[in-house]
Protein backbone atom coordinates (compact mmCIF):
# COMPACT_ATOMS: atom_id res chain seq x y z
CA MET A 1 107.48 98.09 90.87
CA LEU A 2 103.95 98.89 91.13
CA PRO A 3 103.13 102.68 91.94
CA THR A 4 101.14 102.17 95.09
CA SER A 5 101.41 105.25 97.43
CA GLY A 6 104.23 103.55 99.34
CA PHE A 7 106.30 104.45 96.13
CA ARG A 8 104.91 107.62 95.39
CA LYS A 9 106.15 110.83 96.59
CA PHE A 10 103.76 112.65 99.20
CA ILE A 11 103.29 116.53 98.63
CA SER A 12 101.25 118.46 101.00
CA ILE A 13 99.46 121.43 99.49
CA VAL A 14 98.59 123.94 102.44
CA GLY A 15 97.52 127.29 103.21
CA ARG A 16 94.80 129.55 104.73
CA ARG A 17 91.23 128.88 103.80
CA ASN A 18 89.93 130.08 100.69
CA VAL A 19 93.43 130.66 99.26
CA GLY A 20 92.35 128.65 96.35
CA LYS A 21 94.18 125.29 97.66
CA SER A 22 91.52 122.80 96.35
CA SER A 23 91.45 125.17 93.18
CA PHE A 24 95.35 124.72 92.37
CA MET A 25 95.23 120.88 93.05
CA ASN A 26 92.46 120.52 90.71
CA ALA A 27 94.11 122.97 87.85
CA LEU A 28 97.63 120.67 88.86
CA THR A 29 95.80 117.28 88.63
CA GLY A 30 93.51 118.53 85.31
CA GLN A 31 90.45 116.99 87.46
CA ASP A 32 88.02 118.34 89.75
CA ILE A 33 89.07 116.23 92.64
CA SER A 34 88.43 119.16 95.61
CA ILE A 35 85.32 120.48 96.03
CA VAL A 36 85.86 124.27 95.37
CA SER A 37 83.52 127.22 96.77
CA ASP A 38 83.90 130.76 97.90
CA ILE A 39 82.84 129.67 101.46
CA PRO A 40 85.89 129.30 103.80
CA GLY A 41 86.58 125.76 105.31
CA THR A 42 84.99 123.86 102.48
CA THR A 43 87.73 121.23 102.88
CA THR A 44 87.20 119.51 106.49
CA ASP A 45 89.75 116.48 105.61
CA PRO A 46 93.04 115.93 103.76
CA VAL A 47 91.78 114.83 100.37
CA TYR A 48 94.07 112.50 98.79
CA LYS A 49 95.14 112.15 94.64
CA ALA A 50 97.41 109.80 93.21
CA MET A 51 99.09 111.22 89.89
CA GLU A 52 101.90 111.47 87.60
CA LEU A 53 103.79 114.67 87.66
CA HIS A 54 106.42 115.29 85.09
CA PRO A 55 109.42 114.69 85.45
CA LEU A 56 108.82 113.86 89.48
CA GLY A 57 106.79 110.70 88.23
CA PRO A 58 104.47 108.98 90.92
CA VAL A 59 102.70 111.31 93.23
CA THR A 60 100.30 111.85 95.90
CA LEU A 61 98.69 115.20 96.33
CA ILE A 62 97.03 116.22 99.82
CA ASP A 63 94.96 118.87 100.03
CA THR A 64 94.63 119.84 103.49
CA PRO A 65 92.21 122.12 105.26
CA GLY A 66 92.94 125.75 105.99
CA LEU A 67 95.66 126.03 108.90
CA ASP A 68 93.35 129.44 109.91
CA ASP A 69 90.17 127.75 110.75
CA VAL A 70 88.51 128.79 113.69
CA GLY A 71 86.25 127.02 116.52
CA GLU A 72 86.53 123.69 118.42
CA LEU A 73 85.63 122.13 114.97
CA GLY A 74 88.43 124.14 113.18
CA GLU A 75 90.73 122.90 115.69
CA LYS A 76 90.53 119.52 114.78
CA ARG A 77 90.80 120.43 111.16
CA ILE A 78 93.77 121.88 112.03
CA GLN A 79 95.40 119.00 113.78
CA LYS A 80 94.58 116.87 110.78
CA ALA A 81 95.97 119.11 108.63
CA ILE A 82 99.79 118.92 110.36
CA LYS A 83 99.37 115.18 110.83
CA ALA A 84 99.28 114.94 106.83
CA PHE A 85 102.41 116.96 107.27
CA TYR A 86 104.51 113.83 108.70
CA LYS A 87 104.09 111.71 105.44
CA SER A 88 105.07 114.67 103.74
CA ASP A 89 108.54 114.70 101.07
CA ALA A 90 107.71 118.05 99.92
CA GLY A 91 105.04 120.81 100.64
CA ILE A 92 103.13 123.94 98.69
CA LEU A 93 101.95 126.79 100.48
CA VAL A 94 99.49 128.21 98.53
CA VAL A 95 99.07 132.12 99.14
CA ASN A 96 96.83 135.07 97.56
CA ASP A 97 98.37 137.91 100.01
CA TYR A 98 101.12 139.19 101.67
CA PRO A 99 103.05 136.95 104.54
CA GLY A 100 100.95 137.13 107.68
CA GLU A 101 101.29 135.03 111.21
CA TYR A 102 99.60 131.86 109.47
CA GLU A 103 102.02 131.86 106.63
CA GLU A 104 104.79 132.25 108.95
CA LYS A 105 103.25 129.17 111.14
CA ILE A 106 103.11 126.89 107.85
CA ILE A 107 106.63 127.71 107.08
CA LYS A 108 108.05 127.27 110.81
CA LEU A 109 106.74 123.94 110.82
CA PHE A 110 108.25 122.90 107.39
CA ASN A 111 111.40 123.77 108.81
CA GLU A 112 110.91 122.21 112.13
CA LEU A 113 109.84 118.83 110.08
CA GLU A 114 112.62 119.17 107.47
CA ILE A 115 110.34 119.29 104.88
CA PRO A 116 111.37 121.21 101.33
CA PHE A 117 108.66 123.68 99.99
CA ILE A 118 107.81 125.94 97.28
CA ILE A 119 104.91 128.76 97.23
CA VAL A 120 102.40 129.09 94.96
CA VAL A 121 100.81 132.78 94.61
CA ASN A 122 97.51 131.88 93.45
CA LYS A 123 95.15 134.08 91.78
CA VAL A 124 96.97 135.95 89.71
CA ASP A 125 94.22 136.47 87.43
CA LEU A 126 92.38 138.58 90.19
CA LEU A 127 95.81 140.19 91.99
CA GLY A 128 96.96 141.63 88.69
CA ASP A 129 100.66 143.65 89.52
CA LYS A 130 99.92 143.12 93.36
CA ALA A 131 101.00 139.21 93.05
CA TYR A 132 104.27 140.23 91.91
CA ASP A 133 104.75 142.20 95.09
CA ILE A 134 103.68 139.47 97.01
CA ALA A 135 106.08 137.03 95.33
CA ARG A 136 108.86 139.26 95.88
CA GLU A 137 108.36 139.48 99.49
CA TYR A 138 107.82 135.83 99.99
CA GLU A 139 111.39 135.28 98.10
CA SER A 140 113.08 137.90 100.20
CA LEU A 141 112.02 136.78 103.52
CA TYR A 142 111.80 132.73 102.70
CA HIS A 143 114.67 132.28 100.45
CA THR A 144 112.36 129.65 98.19
CA ARG A 145 111.20 129.79 94.94
CA VAL A 146 107.76 131.14 94.32
CA PHE A 147 105.45 130.74 91.45
CA LEU A 148 102.52 132.77 90.06
CA VAL A 149 99.48 130.80 88.89
CA SER A 150 96.11 131.16 88.07
CA SER A 151 94.14 127.69 88.79
CA LEU A 152 91.11 129.69 87.16
CA LYS A 153 93.21 129.43 83.71
CA ARG A 154 95.31 126.71 84.56
CA GLU A 155 98.09 128.68 83.68
CA GLY A 156 101.70 129.08 85.45
CA LEU A 157 101.62 125.09 86.23
CA ASP A 158 104.18 123.94 83.97
CA GLU A 159 107.33 124.35 85.90
CA ILE A 160 105.86 123.12 89.41
CA GLY A 161 106.79 119.63 88.68
CA LYS A 162 110.16 120.20 87.63
CA ALA A 163 110.73 122.23 91.07
CA LEU A 164 109.54 119.69 93.23
CA ASN A 165 111.84 117.23 91.71
CA GLU A 166 114.94 119.40 92.29
CA LEU A 167 113.63 119.83 95.60
CA ILE A 168 112.90 116.75 96.83
CA PRO A 169 116.18 114.57 97.87
CA SER A 170 117.16 111.60 96.06
CA ASP A 171 117.64 108.80 98.50
CA GLU A 172 120.70 106.83 95.85
CA GLU A 173 120.69 103.23 97.37
CA LEU A 174 123.96 102.10 98.42
CA PRO A 175 125.72 98.98 97.89
CA PHE A 176 124.31 96.00 99.65
CA VAL A 177 127.69 93.91 100.43
CA PRO A 178 130.08 95.94 102.27
CA ARG A 179 132.42 97.70 99.96
CA PHE A 180 135.59 95.94 101.07
CA VAL A 181 134.40 92.65 99.57
CA ASP A 182 136.71 92.83 96.34
CA ALA A 183 137.29 90.54 93.21
CA GLY A 184 138.30 87.02 94.58
CA ASP A 185 137.33 87.41 97.87
CA THR A 186 135.14 84.54 99.20
CA VAL A 187 131.76 85.63 101.43
CA VAL A 188 129.66 82.74 102.84
CA LEU A 189 126.23 83.01 103.55
CA VAL A 190 124.09 81.20 106.20
CA VAL A 191 121.10 80.34 104.93
CA PRO A 192 118.75 78.44 107.59
CA ILE A 193 116.24 76.33 105.77
CA ASP A 194 113.21 76.26 108.34
CA ILE A 195 109.53 76.70 108.44
CA ALA A 196 109.88 80.62 107.40
CA ALA A 197 112.05 79.27 104.20
CA PRO A 198 110.23 79.47 100.97
CA LYS A 199 110.10 76.33 99.20
CA GLY A 200 112.17 75.70 96.31
CA ARG A 201 113.78 79.45 96.64
CA LEU A 202 115.94 81.92 98.20
CA ILE A 203 114.50 85.20 99.92
CA MET A 204 115.49 88.43 98.18
CA PRO A 205 118.32 89.45 100.59
CA GLN A 206 119.92 86.24 100.10
CA VAL A 207 119.32 86.69 96.03
CA HIS A 208 120.86 90.24 96.52
CA ALA A 209 123.89 89.31 98.18
CA ILE A 210 124.66 86.62 95.85
CA ARG A 211 124.27 88.62 92.76
CA GLU A 212 126.21 91.77 94.16
CA ILE A 213 129.08 89.23 95.04
CA LEU A 214 129.05 87.66 91.59
CA ASP A 215 129.24 91.15 89.90
CA ARG A 216 131.89 92.15 92.18
CA ASN A 217 134.10 88.64 90.68
CA ALA A 218 133.95 87.18 93.98
CA VAL A 219 133.15 83.94 95.39
CA ALA A 220 129.69 82.93 97.13
CA ILE A 221 129.53 80.14 99.19
CA VAL A 222 126.08 79.15 100.61
CA THR A 223 125.62 77.07 103.56
CA LYS A 224 123.28 76.18 106.55
CA GLU A 225 123.72 77.02 109.83
CA THR A 226 124.66 73.48 110.69
CA GLU A 227 126.82 72.57 108.00
CA LEU A 228 129.14 75.91 108.29
CA LYS A 229 131.91 74.95 110.68
CA HIS A 230 132.31 72.14 108.27
CA ALA A 231 132.07 74.43 105.34
CA LEU A 232 134.68 76.99 106.93
CA GLU A 233 136.77 73.94 107.38
CA LYS A 234 137.10 72.98 103.99
CA LEU A 235 138.21 76.69 102.79
CA ASN A 236 141.81 77.04 102.35
CA GLU A 237 141.79 80.27 103.63
CA PRO A 238 139.26 82.24 105.82
CA PRO A 239 136.40 84.16 104.05
CA LYS A 240 136.41 88.18 103.75
CA LEU A 241 132.95 88.15 105.22
CA VAL A 242 130.34 85.97 106.52
CA ILE A 243 126.35 87.06 106.65
CA THR A 244 123.98 85.30 108.23
CA ASP A 245 119.95 85.03 108.53
CA SER A 246 119.80 86.99 112.05
CA GLN A 247 117.48 84.17 113.83
CA ALA A 248 120.92 82.30 113.43
CA VAL A 249 123.30 84.59 114.37
CA MET A 250 123.61 83.10 118.05
CA LYS A 251 124.81 80.08 116.69
CA VAL A 252 126.97 81.67 113.90
CA ALA A 253 128.72 83.89 115.89
CA LEU A 254 130.09 81.03 118.00
CA ASP A 255 131.22 79.12 115.17
CA VAL A 256 132.88 81.79 113.23
CA PRO A 257 136.53 82.89 114.69
CA GLN A 258 136.41 86.36 116.19
CA ASP A 259 139.02 87.64 113.36
CA ILE A 260 136.55 86.84 110.82
CA PRO A 261 133.98 89.75 109.71
CA LEU A 262 130.35 88.79 110.76
CA THR A 263 127.18 90.23 109.80
CA THR A 264 123.57 89.81 109.21
CA PHE A 265 121.44 90.09 105.98
CA SER A 266 118.85 92.31 107.91
CA ILE A 267 121.55 94.72 108.75
CA LEU A 268 122.71 94.89 105.78
CA GLU A 269 119.00 95.56 104.59
CA ALA A 270 118.74 98.17 107.27
CA ASN A 271 121.99 100.12 106.38
CA TYR A 272 120.91 99.41 102.62
CA ARG A 273 117.19 100.95 102.61
CA GLY A 274 117.37 103.11 105.74
CA ASP A 275 119.08 105.10 108.13
CA ILE A 276 121.23 102.45 110.16
CA ARG A 277 122.60 104.99 112.65
CA TYR A 278 119.12 105.94 113.72
CA PHE A 279 118.10 102.47 114.17
CA VAL A 280 120.99 101.55 116.22
CA GLU A 281 120.43 104.95 118.17
CA SER A 282 116.53 103.91 118.61
CA VAL A 283 117.83 99.91 119.72
CA TYR A 284 118.76 101.31 122.98
CA LYS A 285 114.95 102.26 124.04
CA ILE A 286 114.17 98.87 124.39
CA GLU A 287 115.53 99.53 127.97
CA GLU A 288 113.22 102.16 128.63
CA LEU A 289 110.36 99.78 127.78
CA GLN A 290 107.58 99.83 130.98
CA ASP A 291 104.19 98.06 131.57
CA GLY A 292 101.65 98.93 129.28
CA ASP A 293 103.78 100.51 126.72
CA THR A 294 103.17 99.64 123.10
CA VAL A 295 105.73 98.56 120.53
CA LEU A 296 104.57 98.91 116.83
CA ILE A 297 105.89 96.04 114.68
CA MET A 298 106.15 96.83 111.12
CA GLU A 299 106.36 94.96 108.29
CA GLY A 300 107.03 96.32 104.45
CA CYS A 301 104.70 93.85 102.75
CA THR A 302 101.50 91.49 103.82
CA HIS A 303 102.02 88.20 103.90
CA ARG A 304 100.56 85.25 105.87
CA PRO A 305 101.85 85.08 109.49
CA LEU A 306 103.49 81.59 110.46
CA SER A 307 103.20 80.06 113.74
CA GLU A 308 106.80 80.90 114.31
CA ASP A 309 107.00 84.19 112.80
CA ILE A 310 109.73 86.54 113.41
CA GLY A 311 108.24 89.94 113.73
CA ARG A 312 104.64 88.74 115.25
CA VAL A 313 105.96 85.97 117.68
CA LYS A 314 109.85 85.68 117.91
CA ILE A 315 110.36 89.29 118.71
CA PRO A 316 108.14 90.00 121.03
CA ARG A 317 108.92 87.39 123.27
CA TRP A 318 112.63 87.60 123.25
CA LEU A 319 111.53 91.31 124.27
CA ILE A 320 109.18 90.20 126.94
CA ASN A 321 111.95 88.16 128.32
CA HIS A 322 114.76 90.73 128.08
CA THR A 323 112.76 93.58 129.59
CA GLY A 324 110.44 92.06 131.97
CA ALA A 325 107.77 94.13 131.05
CA ASN A 326 104.26 93.44 130.12
CA VAL A 327 104.39 95.27 126.63
CA ASN A 328 101.80 95.48 124.18
CA PHE A 329 102.25 94.64 120.58
CA LYS A 330 100.62 96.13 117.79
CA VAL A 331 101.09 95.06 113.93
CA TRP A 332 100.95 97.33 110.96
CA ALA A 333 101.62 95.64 107.81
CA GLY A 334 101.87 96.96 103.99
CA VAL A 335 103.65 99.23 101.76
CA ASP A 336 101.53 102.30 102.41
CA LEU A 337 101.94 104.71 104.79
CA PRO A 338 99.98 104.32 108.35
CA GLU A 339 97.95 106.98 109.53
CA TYR A 340 99.23 109.03 112.26
CA GLU A 341 96.25 107.81 114.66
CA GLU A 342 97.67 103.83 113.94
CA VAL A 343 101.33 104.83 115.27
CA ALA A 344 101.00 107.70 117.70
CA ASP A 345 100.76 106.01 121.17
CA ALA A 346 103.95 103.77 119.84
CA LYS A 347 107.01 104.10 122.22
CA LEU A 348 109.39 101.87 119.82
CA VAL A 349 108.93 101.01 116.19
CA ILE A 350 110.65 97.88 114.98
CA HIS A 351 110.71 97.51 111.38
CA CYS A 352 111.41 94.14 108.91
CA GLY A 353 114.29 94.36 106.72
CA GLY A 354 111.74 96.11 104.05
CA CYS A 355 113.35 93.68 101.41
CA VAL A 356 110.31 94.25 99.04
CA ASN A 357 110.55 98.38 99.67
CA THR A 358 112.64 100.66 98.33
CA ARG A 359 115.27 102.92 99.84
CA ASN A 360 113.08 105.96 99.46
CA GLN A 361 109.97 104.28 100.80
CA MET A 362 111.82 103.13 103.62
CA MET A 363 113.40 106.61 104.25
CA ARG A 364 109.98 108.40 103.95
CA ARG A 365 108.99 106.07 106.89
CA VAL A 366 112.00 106.77 108.87
CA ARG A 367 111.47 111.05 108.40
CA MET A 368 108.17 110.48 109.32
CA PHE A 369 108.92 108.73 112.72
CA LYS A 370 111.66 111.45 113.34
CA ARG A 371 108.89 114.00 112.84
CA LEU A 372 106.45 111.88 115.17
CA GLY A 373 109.46 111.67 117.56
CA ILE A 374 109.60 108.10 117.75
CA PRO A 375 112.19 105.90 117.58
CA MET A 376 112.58 103.31 114.89
CA THR A 377 114.85 100.04 114.59
CA ASN A 378 114.82 97.04 112.39
CA TYR A 379 114.48 93.27 113.29
CA GLY A 380 117.99 92.16 112.47
CA ILE A 381 119.23 95.05 115.24
CA VAL A 382 117.10 94.17 117.72
CA ILE A 383 117.63 90.34 117.53
CA SER A 384 121.57 90.64 117.44
CA TYR A 385 121.39 93.44 120.23
CA MET A 386 119.07 91.16 122.77
CA HIS A 387 121.79 88.07 122.05
CA GLY A 388 124.87 90.17 122.59
CA VAL A 389 126.50 90.30 119.19
CA LEU A 390 125.29 94.15 117.95
CA GLU A 391 128.52 95.43 118.10
CA ARG A 392 130.24 92.60 116.11
CA ALA A 393 127.34 92.62 113.10
CA LEU A 394 127.76 96.35 112.95
CA ALA A 395 131.86 96.21 112.66
CA PRO A 396 131.44 95.32 109.05
CA LEU A 397 129.62 98.53 108.13
CA GLY A 398 132.34 100.44 110.32
CA ILE A 399 129.92 101.43 113.10
CA GLU A 400 131.03 101.46 116.69
CA VAL A 401 128.44 100.85 119.57
CA GLU A 402 129.14 101.02 122.93
CA SER A 403 129.93 97.38 124.11
CA LYS A 404 128.69 97.64 127.69
CA ALA A 405 125.31 98.95 126.37
CA VAL A 406 124.97 95.85 124.08
CA ASN A 407 125.88 93.29 126.46
CA LYS A 408 123.24 93.99 129.36
């Protein structure tokens, strides 16, 4: 997997002006990335630097303006610094004095946004024994790890990467196919072959499902939606599960008896890579959309749109028909994270299945939108919801929903 920013951990370096945030970042990277000056407020915009930080791996460090900046321009710098927090996996608070109102403000913000953090007492070469007293006070007040660092001498940096590695939660990937599929079971995969299907191959979620089914010594049967009824009739016993492409879920739901579990590839993606309960909770925000609201369609990769593109054409059309509202649609595509300004006006985010994204990457997006207070859901959940089959499609994952809300 290429180490693009979408697959890196984002770590914000924050603190007051002139505590040595830029010199600390330069020392940690071993390069002169940020401008260092004794003049407060030298860093005016967040500075991003990609690097390998052992043992954490690929990271992006964000050197932010001081949160004690003053004046109208200073307030704008502070807002830019805070916006950088939304994409952070962890934070480093750099200090060179005892805790004050700004440190308390930063730590409160970290806690509110659920961003794990460490504290670095910088300039220990100048502070002398005072540095130990400062460190002890931060440890006793905030119960987090505190490190003594001299950015000038580049000392005290060796444990920073290890501490961050222990601090950042690991988003371990779950099974893709529901756990109840076992050896000897039969799973039917419904794979439409239409304009969106790549010539000569299957798409990644379909391949993923087949491989996992085979790894469990179960049987995978692949068919088109037009041949599904015939395929089911030929089986000696009902399949343990049917998985379909979301766009065919309406027809498939009619053809598959109610006593056979049914779900979609996209819903399995939502469970495997993201926070499916948050996605389900968010889908009901569709009913609150009004004229002029913005819906952000997010794609996890960059691709050439098709004439009947699922995210850019079909879902917007279904949403307008469902809500009757004159909704604005905005598309953001790619593995990198969007900037705050690109998503701040969204009333709802609808993300693709994310088949090229890791769980870490998708969960970073989830955490960002949760921090922004913007509901986020998934293509497959939206399609199943608007066609009245969400309850059935979620059942194989053990997720219950309110039927009356689904079948509006």
